[in-house]
C-alpha atoms as a PDB file:
ATOM      1  CA  MET A   1     195.574 254.926 167.317  1.00  0.00           C
ATOM      2  CA  GLN A   2     193.560 254.301 164.175  1.00  0.00           C
ATOM      3  CA  TYR A   3     190.420 252.201 164.109  1.00  0.00           C
ATOM      4  CA  GLY A   4     189.639 250.307 160.954  1.00  0.00           C
ATOM      5  CA  PRO A   5     190.808 250.431 157.373  1.00  0.00           C
ATOM      6  CA  SER A   6     190.554 253.467 155.185  1.00  0.00           C
ATOM      7  CA  PRO A   7     190.163 253.545 151.413  1.00  0.00           C
ATOM      8  CA  GLU A   8     193.321 253.829 149.384  1.00  0.00           C
ATOM      9  CA  PRO A   9     194.236 257.418 148.518  1.00  0.00           C
ATOM     10  CA  GLY A  10     192.456 258.468 145.366  1.00  0.00           C
ATOM     11  CA  SER A  11     190.407 255.272 145.182  1.00  0.00           C
ATOM     12  CA  GLY A  12     187.156 257.233 145.152  1.00  0.00           C
ATOM     13  CA  SER A  13     185.484 254.648 147.372  1.00  0.00           C
ATOM     14  CA  GLY A  14     183.411 255.965 150.197  1.00  0.00           C
ATOM     15  CA  ALA A  15     184.623 259.565 150.385  1.00  0.00           C
ATOM     16  CA  ARG A  16     181.040 260.793 150.486  1.00  0.00           C
ATOM     17  CA  THR A  17     180.382 258.835 153.675  1.00  0.00           C
ATOM     18  CA  GLN A  18     183.795 258.698 155.353  1.00  0.00           C
ATOM     19  CA  VAL A  19     184.118 260.490 158.679  1.00  0.00           C
ATOM     20  CA  LEU A  20     187.448 261.235 160.353  1.00  0.00           C
ATOM     21  CA  VAL A  21     187.311 261.180 164.167  1.00  0.00           C
ATOM     22  CA  VAL A  22     190.167 263.096 165.817  1.00  0.00           C
ATOM     23  CA  GLU A  23     189.996 262.145 169.491  1.00  0.00           C
ATOM     24  CA  ASP A  24     192.673 261.201 172.038  1.00  0.00           C
ATOM     25  CA  ASP A  25     190.325 259.335 174.407  1.00  0.00           C
ATOM     26  CA  ALA A  26     190.389 255.779 173.028  1.00  0.00           C
ATOM     27  CA  GLY A  27     187.023 254.917 174.564  1.00  0.00           C
ATOM     28  CA  VAL A  28     185.265 257.930 173.039  1.00  0.00           C
ATOM     29  CA  ALA A  29     186.962 257.340 169.686  1.00  0.00           C
ATOM     30  CA  ALA A  30     185.950 253.667 169.647  1.00  0.00           C
ATOM     31  CA  LEU A  31     182.352 254.539 170.560  1.00  0.00           C
ATOM     32  CA  LEU A  32     182.093 257.123 167.783  1.00  0.00           C
ATOM     33  CA  VAL A  33     183.616 254.786 165.202  1.00  0.00           C
ATOM     34  CA  ASP A  34     181.343 251.912 166.263  1.00  0.00           C
ATOM     35  CA  VAL A  35     178.174 254.023 166.146  1.00  0.00           C
ATOM     36  CA  LEU A  36     179.070 255.551 162.789  1.00  0.00           C
ATOM     37  CA  ARG A  37     179.808 252.140 161.310  1.00  0.00           C
ATOM     38  CA  GLN A  38     176.531 250.745 162.658  1.00  0.00           C
ATOM     39  CA  GLU A  39     174.813 253.551 160.790  1.00  0.00           C
ATOM     40  CA  GLY A  40     176.635 252.578 157.583  1.00  0.00           C
ATOM     41  CA  TYR A  41     179.349 255.244 157.456  1.00  0.00           C
ATOM     42  CA  LEU A  42     183.040 254.617 156.955  1.00  0.00           C
ATOM     43  CA  ALA A  43     184.815 255.872 160.067  1.00  0.00           C
ATOM     44  CA  VAL A  44     188.479 256.246 160.907  1.00  0.00           C
ATOM     45  CA  SER A  45     189.959 257.518 164.154  1.00  0.00           C
ATOM     46  CA  VAL A  46     193.289 259.163 164.902  1.00  0.00           C
ATOM     47  CA  SER A  47     194.476 260.406 168.286  1.00  0.00           C
ATOM     48  CA  ASP A  48     195.795 263.930 167.614  1.00  0.00           C
ATOM     49  CA  GLY A  49     196.161 266.736 165.115  1.00  0.00           C
ATOM     50  CA  VAL A  50     199.498 265.532 163.755  1.00  0.00           C
ATOM     51  CA  ALA A  51     198.024 262.136 162.865  1.00  0.00           C
ATOM     52  CA  ALA A  52     194.928 263.832 161.428  1.00  0.00           C
ATOM     53  CA  LEU A  53     196.960 265.997 159.048  1.00  0.00           C
ATOM     54  CA  ARG A  54     199.015 262.992 157.990  1.00  0.00           C
ATOM     55  CA  PHE A  55     195.828 260.999 157.345  1.00  0.00           C
ATOM     56  CA  LEU A  56     194.230 263.829 155.352  1.00  0.00           C
ATOM     57  CA  LYS A  57     197.293 264.217 153.145  1.00  0.00           C
ATOM     58  CA  THR A  58     197.561 260.491 152.358  1.00  0.00           C
ATOM     59  CA  SER A  59     193.974 259.206 152.332  1.00  0.00           C
ATOM     60  CA  GLU A  60     190.606 259.764 150.755  1.00  0.00           C
ATOM     61  CA  ARG A  61     189.035 263.084 151.713  1.00  0.00           C
ATOM     62  CA  PRO A  62     186.361 262.630 154.412  1.00  0.00           C
ATOM     63  CA  CYS A  63     182.966 264.308 154.223  1.00  0.00           C
ATOM     64  CA  LEU A  64     183.325 265.510 157.841  1.00  0.00           C
ATOM     65  CA  ILE A  65     185.898 265.725 160.623  1.00  0.00           C
ATOM     66  CA  LEU A  66     184.764 265.236 164.231  1.00  0.00           C
ATOM     67  CA  LEU A  67     187.432 267.138 166.180  1.00  0.00           C
ATOM     68  CA  ASP A  68     188.274 267.107 169.874  1.00  0.00           C
ATOM     69  CA  LEU A  69     190.022 270.256 171.083  1.00  0.00           C
ATOM     70  CA  LEU A  70     192.219 269.139 173.988  1.00  0.00           C
ATOM     71  CA  MET A  71     194.731 266.546 172.747  1.00  0.00           C
ATOM     72  CA  PRO A  72     198.461 265.848 173.059  1.00  0.00           C
ATOM     73  CA  ALA A  73     201.056 266.431 170.311  1.00  0.00           C
ATOM     74  CA  MET A  74     198.824 268.868 168.394  1.00  0.00           C
ATOM     75  CA  ASP A  75     195.551 270.058 169.849  1.00  0.00           C
ATOM     76  CA  GLY A  76     192.380 270.768 167.909  1.00  0.00           C
ATOM     77  CA  PHE A  77     193.003 274.516 167.821  1.00  0.00           C
ATOM     78  CA  GLU A  78     196.362 274.165 166.055  1.00  0.00           C
ATOM     79  CA  PHE A  79     195.033 271.407 163.778  1.00  0.00           C
ATOM     80  CA  ARG A  80     192.140 273.618 162.703  1.00  0.00           C
ATOM     81  CA  ARG A  81     194.442 276.607 162.096  1.00  0.00           C
ATOM     82  CA  LEU A  82     196.680 274.504 159.843  1.00  0.00           C
ATOM     83  CA  GLN A  83     193.759 272.776 158.140  1.00  0.00           C
ATOM     84  CA  ARG A  84     192.050 276.081 157.334  1.00  0.00           C
ATOM     85  CA  SER A  85     195.267 277.510 155.858  1.00  0.00           C
ATOM     86  CA  ASP A  86     195.665 274.552 153.464  1.00  0.00           C
ATOM     87  CA  PRO A  87     193.936 275.192 150.109  1.00  0.00           C
ATOM     88  CA  VAL A  88     193.098 271.501 149.647  1.00  0.00           C
ATOM     89  CA  LEU A  89     192.115 270.572 153.205  1.00  0.00           C
ATOM     90  CA  GLY A  90     190.554 273.864 154.294  1.00  0.00           C
ATOM     91  CA  SER A  91     187.137 273.177 152.806  1.00  0.00           C
ATOM     92  CA  ILE A  92     186.540 269.924 154.705  1.00  0.00           C
ATOM     93  CA  PRO A  93     183.821 270.673 157.282  1.00  0.00           C
ATOM     94  CA  VAL A  94     184.705 270.258 160.960  1.00  0.00           C
ATOM     95  CA  ALA A  95     182.378 269.584 163.878  1.00  0.00           C
ATOM     96  CA  VAL A  96     183.991 270.211 167.268  1.00  0.00           C
ATOM     97  CA  ILE A  97     183.324 267.603 169.963  1.00  0.00           C
ATOM     98  CA  SER A  98     184.626 268.811 173.291  1.00  0.00           C
ATOM     99  CA  ALA A  99     183.900 269.383 176.940  1.00  0.00           C
ATOM    100  CA  VAL A 100     184.979 272.997 176.375  1.00  0.00           C
ATOM    101  CA  ALA A 101     182.771 273.636 173.333  1.00  0.00           C
ATOM    102  CA  ALA A 102     180.157 275.854 175.048  1.00  0.00           C
ATOM    103  CA  TRP A 103     181.858 279.230 174.480  1.00  0.00           C
ATOM    104  CA  TYR A 104     182.716 278.375 170.892  1.00  0.00           C
ATOM    105  CA  LYS A 105     179.064 277.784 169.997  1.00  0.00           C
ATOM    106  CA  THR A 106     178.333 281.509 170.120  1.00  0.00           C
ATOM    107  CA  GLU A 107     181.694 282.945 169.066  1.00  0.00           C
ATOM    108  CA  ASN A 108     182.663 280.325 166.418  1.00  0.00           C
ATOM    109  CA  PRO A 109     186.268 281.527 165.993  1.00  0.00           C
ATOM    110  CA  MET A 110     187.205 278.173 164.450  1.00  0.00           C
ATOM    111  CA  GLY A 111     184.620 278.263 161.676  1.00  0.00           C
ATOM    112  CA  ALA A 112     183.201 274.901 162.679  1.00  0.00           C
ATOM    113  CA  VAL A 113     179.901 273.645 161.258  1.00  0.00           C
ATOM    114  CA  ALA A 114     178.830 272.434 164.729  1.00  0.00           C
ATOM    115  CA  TYR A 115     179.959 272.385 168.347  1.00  0.00           C
ATOM    116  CA  ILE A 116     178.887 269.300 170.253  1.00  0.00           C
ATOM    117  CA  ASP A 117     179.417 269.166 174.002  1.00  0.00           C
ATOM    118  CA  LYS A 118     180.754 266.171 175.871  1.00  0.00           C
ATOM    119  CA  PRO A 119     179.316 263.996 177.174  1.00  0.00           C
ATOM    120  CA  LEU A 120     178.184 263.362 173.628  1.00  0.00           C
ATOM    121  CA  GLU A 121     174.563 263.061 172.589  1.00  0.00           C
ATOM    122  CA  MET A 122     174.730 260.484 169.802  1.00  0.00           C
ATOM    123  CA  ASN A 123     171.542 261.756 168.157  1.00  0.00           C
ATOM    124  CA  ARG A 124     173.213 265.140 167.743  1.00  0.00           C
ATOM    125  CA  VAL A 125     176.430 263.584 166.429  1.00  0.00           C
ATOM    126  CA  LEU A 126     174.533 261.470 163.896  1.00  0.00           C
ATOM    127  CA  ALA A 127     172.329 264.379 162.810  1.00  0.00           C
ATOM    128  CA  THR A 128     175.463 266.459 162.182  1.00  0.00           C
ATOM    129  CA  VAL A 129     177.068 263.631 160.206  1.00  0.00           C
ATOM    130  CA  MET A 130     173.912 263.144 158.121  1.00  0.00           C
ATOM    131  CA  GLN A 131     173.681 266.877 157.442  1.00  0.00           C
ATOM    132  CA  HIS A 132     177.215 267.020 156.026  1.00  0.00           C
ATOM    133  CA  CYS A 133     177.677 263.507 154.612  1.00  0.00           C
ATOM    134  CA  GLY A 134     174.153 262.569 153.596  1.00  0.00           C
ATOM    135  CA  LEU A 135     172.778 259.128 154.187  1.00  0.00           C
ATOM    136  CA  PRO A 136     175.306 256.322 153.830  1.00  0.00           C
ATOM    137  CA  VAL A 137     175.157 254.336 150.606  1.00  0.00           C
ATOM    138  CA  GLN A 138     174.392 251.167 152.542  1.00  0.00           C
ATOM    139  CA  ARG A 139     172.709 251.588 155.907  1.00  0.00           C
ATOM    140  CA  GLY A 140     174.002 249.481 158.765  1.00  0.00           C
ATOM    141  CA  ARG A 141     171.988 247.667 161.406  1.00  0.00           C
ATOM    142  CA  GLY A 142     171.774 250.634 163.728  1.00  0.00           C
ATOM    143  CA  THR A 143     169.190 253.369 163.518  1.00  0.00           C
ATOM    144  CA  LEU A 144     169.218 256.930 164.693  1.00  0.00           C
ATOM    145  CA  ALA A 145     166.176 256.199 166.862  1.00  0.00           C
ATOM    146  CA  ALA A 146     168.152 253.590 168.825  1.00  0.00           C
ATOM    147  CA  TRP A 147     170.527 256.263 170.154  1.00  0.00           C
END
């Protein structure tokens, strides 16, 4: 399932502040997209690694991918392996959001820029997004302090 429109491939609009959420739990995905949009970011959600790769190959490059690990069709581990092996997609930073992220924080075998445990702390999610995407061009109504 995808939430919201994305810029046309190659349009150049919003790539600096577009975040791709790869999450199979529709409630978590919707929450992340809503919070990111309130903060002024462009946010798109897909439900598994297959859809994420398809999106990345046909849409504007995001500034960050928020990646769940345990998903159907293609899990986050396989997605990340394929993403890292692609010369175009491999440099897009990935932050892992998962209930099983604890071990990966110290070992970092996936080369992620952050590992965020579920249940999610929105301040941590937003701080990670700001670190890798910068401030959005046009801030929304939400504020980091509200979360």
